[in-house]
Amino acid sequence: MSGRKTKEGEIDPDYCRVLFYLELERLEETVIDMQVQNRIIKVTVINGHGATLEEAAGQYLDILRENLGKMDYRLSGVSFVNPVYEKERDLRGEPILFSEAGSYSGVDIRI
């Protein structure tokens, strides 16, 4: 979790970024990157199941949007990313896991 701080020294819930690294039984390694700017939320789901996960999650997006609205947040979008590309396969043809492919890194720019 990162973000700017309030006057009380707590992370400002209007401007923050939360990164979840999950090991799920069926979905396996999953990274959820949630960015909040001015109470507008953008979610990126990184998982090797790609289109299948996007299709399954589609039915819950309206519920998510509605419940965030009740808390005075707005969902700008949810994107799904498959981190495994053909060139990143090992000699056996199996996908490389997130943990084997390297660490996640990013740059936040504040203007």
C-alpha atoms as a PDB file:
ATOM      1  CA  MET A   1       0.000   0.000   0.000  1.00  0.00           C
ATOM      2  CA  SER A   2       1.290   3.436  -0.847  1.00  0.00           C
ATOM      3  CA  GLY A   3      -0.162   6.896  -1.107  1.00  0.00           C
ATOM      4  CA  ARG A   4      -0.074  10.367   0.241  1.00  0.00           C
ATOM      5  CA  LYS A   5      -0.729  10.967   3.920  1.00  0.00           C
ATOM      6  CA  THR A   6      -3.493  12.888   5.636  1.00  0.00           C
ATOM      7  CA  LYS A   7      -2.836  15.556   8.270  1.00  0.00           C
ATOM      8  CA  GLU A   8      -3.244  12.822  10.889  1.00  0.00           C
ATOM      9  CA  GLY A   9      -0.421  10.795   9.275  1.00  0.00           C
ATOM     10  CA  GLU A  10      -2.693   8.081   7.841  1.00  0.00           C
ATOM     11  CA  ILE A  11      -2.811   7.041   4.188  1.00  0.00           C
ATOM     12  CA  ASP A  12      -5.323   9.177   2.298  1.00  0.00           C
ATOM     13  CA  PRO A  13      -8.101   6.857   0.998  1.00  0.00           C
ATOM     14  CA  ASP A  14      -8.805   9.341  -1.821  1.00  0.00           C
ATOM     15  CA  TYR A  15      -5.303   8.945  -3.301  1.00  0.00           C
ATOM     16  CA  CYS A  16      -3.560   5.623  -2.807  1.00  0.00           C
ATOM     17  CA  ARG A  17      -2.411   2.440  -4.483  1.00  0.00           C
ATOM     18  CA  VAL A  18      -2.925  -1.040  -3.080  1.00  0.00           C
ATOM     19  CA  LEU A  19      -1.194  -4.080  -4.543  1.00  0.00           C
ATOM     20  CA  PHE A  20      -2.453  -7.546  -3.572  1.00  0.00           C
ATOM     21  CA  TYR A  21      -0.365 -10.640  -4.308  1.00  0.00           C
ATOM     22  CA  LEU A  22      -2.605 -13.685  -3.889  1.00  0.00           C
ATOM     23  CA  GLU A  23      -2.037 -17.437  -4.054  1.00  0.00           C
ATOM     24  CA  LEU A  24      -5.511 -18.805  -4.812  1.00  0.00           C
ATOM     25  CA  GLU A  25      -6.470 -22.467  -5.009  1.00  0.00           C
ATOM     26  CA  ARG A  26      -8.129 -22.325  -8.434  1.00  0.00           C
ATOM     27  CA  LEU A  27      -6.752 -19.125  -9.934  1.00  0.00           C
ATOM     28  CA  GLU A  28      -3.219 -19.737  -8.636  1.00  0.00           C
ATOM     29  CA  GLU A  29      -0.937 -16.675  -8.613  1.00  0.00           C
ATOM     30  CA  THR A  30      -2.962 -13.486  -8.963  1.00  0.00           C
ATOM     31  CA  VAL A  31      -1.909  -9.864  -8.590  1.00  0.00           C
ATOM     32  CA  ILE A  32      -4.509  -7.135  -8.115  1.00  0.00           C
ATOM     33  CA  ASP A  33      -3.339  -3.563  -8.585  1.00  0.00           C
ATOM     34  CA  MET A  34      -5.888  -1.041  -7.303  1.00  0.00           C
ATOM     35  CA  GLN A  35      -5.202   2.645  -7.941  1.00  0.00           C
ATOM     36  CA  VAL A  36      -7.322   5.368  -6.331  1.00  0.00           C
ATOM     37  CA  GLN A  37      -7.176   8.989  -7.490  1.00  0.00           C
ATOM     38  CA  ASN A  38      -9.761  11.492  -6.314  1.00  0.00           C
ATOM     39  CA  ARG A  39     -12.007   8.577  -5.190  1.00  0.00           C
ATOM     40  CA  ILE A  40     -11.938   7.074  -8.699  1.00  0.00           C
ATOM     41  CA  ILE A  41     -10.723   3.461  -8.722  1.00  0.00           C
ATOM     42  CA  LYS A  42      -8.947   1.605 -11.510  1.00  0.00           C
ATOM     43  CA  VAL A  43      -8.325  -2.118 -10.980  1.00  0.00           C
ATOM     44  CA  THR A  44      -5.891  -4.289 -12.931  1.00  0.00           C
ATOM     45  CA  VAL A  45      -6.057  -8.063 -12.417  1.00  0.00           C
ATOM     46  CA  ILE A  46      -2.897  -9.902 -13.476  1.00  0.00           C
ATOM     47  CA  ASN A  47      -3.434 -13.632 -13.854  1.00  0.00           C
ATOM     48  CA  GLY A  48      -2.473 -16.396 -16.270  1.00  0.00           C
ATOM     49  CA  HIS A  49      -6.116 -17.356 -16.855  1.00  0.00           C
ATOM     50  CA  GLY A  50      -6.736 -14.170 -18.892  1.00  0.00           C
ATOM     51  CA  ALA A  51      -9.952 -14.277 -20.931  1.00  0.00           C
ATOM     52  CA  THR A  52     -11.521 -17.000 -18.788  1.00  0.00           C
ATOM     53  CA  LEU A  53     -11.153 -14.893 -15.659  1.00  0.00           C
ATOM     54  CA  GLU A  54     -12.401 -11.761 -17.415  1.00  0.00           C
ATOM     55  CA  GLU A  55     -15.490 -13.616 -18.616  1.00  0.00           C
ATOM     56  CA  ALA A  56     -16.237 -15.015 -15.137  1.00  0.00           C
ATOM     57  CA  ALA A  57     -15.691 -11.661 -13.403  1.00  0.00           C
ATOM     58  CA  GLY A  58     -17.870  -9.731 -15.851  1.00  0.00           C
ATOM     59  CA  GLN A  59     -21.061 -10.632 -14.041  1.00  0.00           C
ATOM     60  CA  TYR A  60     -19.768  -9.067 -10.800  1.00  0.00           C
ATOM     61  CA  LEU A  61     -18.585  -5.723 -12.164  1.00  0.00           C
ATOM     62  CA  ASP A  62     -21.984  -4.028 -11.846  1.00  0.00           C
ATOM     63  CA  ILE A  63     -22.233  -5.188  -8.217  1.00  0.00           C
ATOM     64  CA  LEU A  64     -18.721  -3.886  -7.544  1.00  0.00           C
ATOM     65  CA  ARG A  65     -19.534  -0.552  -9.207  1.00  0.00           C
ATOM     66  CA  GLU A  66     -22.762  -0.231  -7.195  1.00  0.00           C
ATOM     67  CA  ASN A  67     -21.168  -1.056  -3.828  1.00  0.00           C
ATOM     68  CA  LEU A  68     -18.239   1.298  -4.436  1.00  0.00           C
ATOM     69  CA  GLY A  69     -20.792   4.003  -5.271  1.00  0.00           C
ATOM     70  CA  LYS A  70     -22.422   3.486  -1.861  1.00  0.00           C
ATOM     71  CA  MET A  71     -19.031   4.333  -0.300  1.00  0.00           C
ATOM     72  CA  ASP A  72     -18.676   7.439  -2.517  1.00  0.00           C
ATOM     73  CA  TYR A  73     -16.103   5.854  -4.860  1.00  0.00           C
ATOM     74  CA  ARG A  74     -16.396   5.473  -8.615  1.00  0.00           C
ATOM     75  CA  LEU A  75     -15.019   2.513 -10.598  1.00  0.00           C
ATOM     76  CA  SER A  76     -13.395   3.759 -13.789  1.00  0.00           C
ATOM     77  CA  GLY A  77     -12.551   0.300 -15.057  1.00  0.00           C
ATOM     78  CA  VAL A  78     -11.245  -3.183 -14.498  1.00  0.00           C
ATOM     79  CA  SER A  79      -8.654  -4.633 -16.843  1.00  0.00           C
ATOM     80  CA  PHE A  80      -7.328  -8.173 -17.020  1.00  0.00           C
ATOM     81  CA  VAL A  81      -3.737  -8.891 -17.992  1.00  0.00           C
ATOM     82  CA  ASN A  82      -2.182 -12.254 -18.831  1.00  0.00           C
ATOM     83  CA  PRO A  83       1.537 -11.978 -17.986  1.00  0.00           C
ATOM     84  CA  VAL A  84       2.555 -15.147 -19.816  1.00  0.00           C
ATOM     85  CA  TYR A  85       3.641 -14.693 -23.414  1.00  0.00           C
ATOM     86  CA  GLU A  86       4.871 -17.310 -25.846  1.00  0.00           C
ATOM     87  CA  LYS A  87       8.444 -16.021 -25.641  1.00  0.00           C
ATOM     88  CA  GLU A  88       8.415 -16.473 -21.834  1.00  0.00           C
ATOM     89  CA  ARG A  89       7.876 -20.223 -21.878  1.00  0.00           C
ATOM     90  CA  ASP A  90      10.564 -22.591 -20.700  1.00  0.00           C
ATOM     91  CA  LEU A  91      11.934 -25.495 -22.728  1.00  0.00           C
ATOM     92  CA  ARG A  92       9.094 -27.826 -21.652  1.00  0.00           C
ATOM     93  CA  GLY A  93       6.548 -25.348 -23.008  1.00  0.00           C
ATOM     94  CA  GLU A  94       5.123 -24.563 -19.559  1.00  0.00           C
ATOM     95  CA  PRO A  95       4.340 -20.980 -18.515  1.00  0.00           C
ATOM     96  CA  ILE A  96       6.760 -19.187 -16.227  1.00  0.00           C
ATOM     97  CA  LEU A  97       5.151 -18.230 -12.884  1.00  0.00           C
ATOM     98  CA  PHE A  98       5.137 -14.622 -11.652  1.00  0.00           C
ATOM     99  CA  SER A  99       7.598 -15.527  -8.940  1.00  0.00           C
ATOM    100  CA  GLU A 100      10.010 -16.974 -11.500  1.00  0.00           C
ATOM    101  CA  ALA A 101       9.591 -14.224 -14.080  1.00  0.00           C
ATOM    102  CA  GLY A 102      10.911 -11.406 -11.873  1.00  0.00           C
ATOM    103  CA  SER A 103       9.517  -8.790  -9.577  1.00  0.00           C
ATOM    104  CA  TYR A 104       6.726  -6.333 -10.249  1.00  0.00           C
ATOM    105  CA  SER A 105       7.812  -2.739 -10.499  1.00  0.00           C
ATOM    106  CA  GLY A 106       6.171   0.496 -11.471  1.00  0.00           C
ATOM    107  CA  VAL A 107       6.492   4.241 -11.391  1.00  0.00           C
ATOM    108  CA  ASP A 108       4.038   6.635  -9.792  1.00  0.00           C
ATOM    109  CA  ILE A 109       4.181  10.195 -11.024  1.00  0.00           C
ATOM    110  CA  ARG A 110       2.560  12.948  -9.031  1.00  0.00           C
ATOM    111  CA  ILE A 111       1.836  16.186 -10.894  1.00  0.00           C
END
